[in-house]
Amino acid sequence: MMDVMPGSFLIKCNLAFTAVFVTMSIVAAVAFTAPWKPIGVAVSLSCFTVGIVAFLWGYWTAVQRSRTDNISVAALYFLVDDCAPQSVARLMNGALGVQVVVAVVTAISRTTTDGRTGSTLAFGVLAPMMGLGLNGLWGATHGTFAPRQLGDSGEVPLQEPASGQD
């Protein structure tokens, strides 16, 4: 069924990357030894990088669409207001929610590293950028938005002194 969904590749990527992030975060938090801590950091930074690229790509695409479509930030990044089918919104926002919960829980599970303040698990809080970015990219490329209503009025609204406008 997922193959017929619009943007199924982005959905599958989000779910796969989320599974890798969750698995590595839990292994790194439980084992908390030399080979797993750096791997957890690398996975978190990779998710963050994917998220930044997807976010910028989605934002650029949304700006292009905003000339003809009325795009809201909430609809774009959280797939609300019928921007996406319920099944897509549930999967994408569910993955984002799992990323946030796992990132916070694993980050606070170990507050110290070898006697020093802080933990390598704190890098996990960067990973939910992936879910946010992939949501935005999905919304910008496959989302449904209302058409922009352009008025033909050439009038300039009156500015009263009380309005505080210059």
Protein backbone atom coordinates (compact mmCIF):
# COMPACT_ATOMS: atom_id res chain seq x y z
CA MET A 1 0.00 0.00 0.00
CA MET A 2 2.87 2.39 0.75
CA ASP A 3 4.08 2.24 -2.88
CA VAL A 4 0.93 4.03 -4.07
CA MET A 5 1.35 6.89 -1.59
CA PRO A 6 2.75 10.10 -3.00
CA GLY A 7 6.31 10.60 -1.87
CA SER A 8 6.65 7.01 -0.67
CA PHE A 9 10.43 7.20 -1.09
CA LEU A 10 10.63 10.04 1.46
CA ILE A 11 8.35 8.15 3.83
CA LYS A 12 10.45 4.99 3.56
CA CYS A 13 13.66 6.98 4.08
CA ASN A 14 12.21 8.66 7.17
CA LEU A 15 11.11 5.34 8.66
CA ALA A 16 14.41 3.61 7.85
CA PHE A 17 16.58 6.43 9.20
CA THR A 18 14.39 6.60 12.30
CA ALA A 19 14.84 2.86 12.89
CA VAL A 20 18.63 3.19 12.55
CA PHE A 21 18.67 6.20 14.88
CA VAL A 22 16.51 4.48 17.51
CA THR A 23 18.55 1.28 17.39
CA MET A 24 21.92 3.02 17.62
CA SER A 25 20.77 5.43 20.32
CA ILE A 26 19.52 2.60 22.51
CA VAL A 27 22.64 0.50 21.94
CA ALA A 28 24.88 3.49 22.68
CA ALA A 29 22.91 4.34 25.84
CA VAL A 30 22.88 0.78 27.16
CA ALA A 31 26.44 -0.25 26.23
CA PHE A 32 27.98 3.20 26.71
CA THR A 33 31.40 1.92 25.68
CA ALA A 34 34.04 3.15 23.26
CA PRO A 35 32.87 1.60 19.97
CA TRP A 36 29.19 2.47 20.45
CA LYS A 37 29.43 6.04 21.70
CA PRO A 38 31.19 7.39 18.57
CA ILE A 39 28.88 5.35 16.33
CA GLY A 40 25.90 6.93 18.10
CA VAL A 41 27.37 10.39 17.54
CA ALA A 42 28.01 9.63 13.86
CA VAL A 43 24.44 8.39 13.34
CA SER A 44 23.00 11.45 15.13
CA LEU A 45 25.11 13.85 13.07
CA SER A 46 24.22 11.99 9.86
CA CYS A 47 20.51 12.31 10.68
CA PHE A 48 21.03 16.00 11.42
CA THR A 49 22.81 16.49 8.08
CA VAL A 50 20.05 14.70 6.16
CA GLY A 51 17.55 16.90 7.99
CA ILE A 52 19.33 20.15 7.14
CA VAL A 53 19.58 19.24 3.45
CA ALA A 54 15.92 18.13 3.32
CA PHE A 55 14.81 21.23 5.25
CA LEU A 56 16.58 23.63 2.89
CA TRP A 57 15.42 21.75 -0.21
CA GLY A 58 11.84 21.68 1.09
CA TYR A 59 11.95 25.35 2.07
CA TRP A 60 13.24 26.37 -1.36
CA THR A 61 10.56 24.29 -3.07
CA ALA A 62 7.85 25.75 -0.79
CA VAL A 63 8.97 29.30 -1.58
CA GLN A 64 8.58 28.54 -5.28
CA ARG A 65 5.10 27.09 -4.70
CA SER A 66 4.06 30.00 -2.49
CA ARG A 67 3.60 32.15 -5.59
CA THR A 68 0.48 30.16 -6.42
CA ASP A 69 -0.34 28.28 -3.19
CA ASN A 70 -1.15 29.55 0.29
CA ILE A 71 1.40 27.57 2.34
CA SER A 72 1.45 27.75 6.12
CA VAL A 73 4.45 26.74 8.21
CA ALA A 74 2.39 24.30 10.30
CA ALA A 75 0.98 22.60 7.21
CA LEU A 76 4.39 22.42 5.58
CA TYR A 77 6.40 20.99 8.49
CA PHE A 78 3.72 19.13 10.46
CA LEU A 79 1.52 18.09 7.51
CA VAL A 80 -1.70 19.43 9.07
CA ASP A 81 -4.75 21.14 7.52
CA ASP A 82 -5.22 18.38 4.94
CA CYS A 83 -1.80 19.04 3.44
CA ALA A 84 -1.17 15.30 3.46
CA PRO A 85 -3.37 12.21 3.60
CA GLN A 86 -3.96 11.00 7.16
CA SER A 87 -1.80 7.90 6.62
CA VAL A 88 1.15 9.97 5.42
CA ALA A 89 0.80 12.55 8.20
CA ARG A 90 0.55 9.78 10.80
CA LEU A 91 3.69 8.02 9.56
CA MET A 92 5.80 11.14 9.10
CA ASN A 93 4.72 12.86 12.33
CA GLY A 94 4.95 9.54 14.18
CA ALA A 95 8.55 9.14 13.07
CA LEU A 96 9.29 12.72 14.15
CA GLY A 97 7.69 12.05 17.54
CA VAL A 98 9.72 8.86 18.03
CA GLN A 99 12.91 10.74 17.12
CA VAL A 100 12.18 13.45 19.70
CA VAL A 101 11.29 11.00 22.49
CA VAL A 102 14.29 8.72 21.87
CA ALA A 103 16.65 11.70 21.59
CA VAL A 104 15.52 13.21 24.89
CA VAL A 105 15.31 9.94 26.81
CA THR A 106 18.73 8.70 25.71
CA ALA A 107 20.33 12.12 26.25
CA ILE A 108 19.16 12.28 29.86
CA SER A 109 19.86 8.59 30.54
CA ARG A 110 23.57 9.21 31.02
CA THR A 111 24.47 12.62 32.34
CA THR A 112 28.22 12.04 32.67
CA THR A 113 30.96 10.68 30.44
CA ASP A 114 34.04 9.21 32.13
CA GLY A 115 33.66 11.51 35.12
CA ARG A 116 33.32 14.66 33.00
CA THR A 117 30.14 16.65 32.66
CA GLY A 118 28.07 15.92 29.58
CA SER A 119 27.44 12.92 27.42
CA THR A 120 28.01 11.89 23.82
CA LEU A 121 24.34 10.85 23.83
CA ALA A 122 23.39 14.54 23.83
CA PHE A 123 24.20 14.62 20.10
CA GLY A 124 20.96 12.70 19.66
CA VAL A 125 18.90 15.83 20.21
CA LEU A 126 20.06 17.00 16.77
CA ALA A 127 18.52 13.98 15.01
CA PRO A 128 14.86 15.13 15.01
CA MET A 129 15.89 17.78 12.50
CA MET A 130 15.76 14.89 10.03
CA GLY A 131 12.07 14.25 10.69
CA LEU A 132 11.26 17.94 10.50
CA GLY A 133 13.24 18.38 7.27
CA LEU A 134 11.74 15.31 5.59
CA ASN A 135 8.24 16.45 6.61
CA GLY A 136 8.93 19.82 4.99
CA LEU A 137 10.32 18.24 1.85
CA TRP A 138 7.32 15.93 1.57
CA GLY A 139 4.91 18.81 2.16
CA ALA A 140 6.64 21.08 -0.36
CA THR A 141 6.78 18.47 -3.11
CA HIS A 142 3.58 16.47 -2.56
CA GLY A 143 1.40 18.52 -0.19
CA THR A 144 -1.97 19.97 -1.05
CA PHE A 145 -2.50 23.65 -0.28
CA ALA A 146 -5.25 26.13 -1.02
CA PRO A 147 -4.62 28.43 -3.98
CA ARG A 148 -3.34 31.88 -3.15
CA GLN A 149 -6.02 34.58 -3.35
CA LEU A 150 -4.50 37.59 -5.07
CA GLY A 151 -6.47 40.81 -4.87
CA ASP A 152 -6.36 43.28 -7.72
CA SER A 153 -6.71 46.24 -5.42
CA GLY A 154 -4.21 48.99 -6.11
CA GLU A 155 -5.30 50.94 -3.06
CA VAL A 156 -2.95 51.69 -0.23
CA PRO A 157 -4.63 51.34 3.17
CA LEU A 158 -4.97 54.50 5.18
CA GLN A 159 -2.40 54.90 7.91
CA GLU A 160 -3.60 56.61 11.02
CA PRO A 161 -1.15 58.11 13.52
CA ALA A 162 -2.40 55.66 16.15
CA SER A 163 -1.32 52.69 14.03
CA GLY A 164 2.35 53.31 14.81
CA GLN A 165 3.35 52.77 11.19
CA ASP A 166 5.91 55.05 9.59
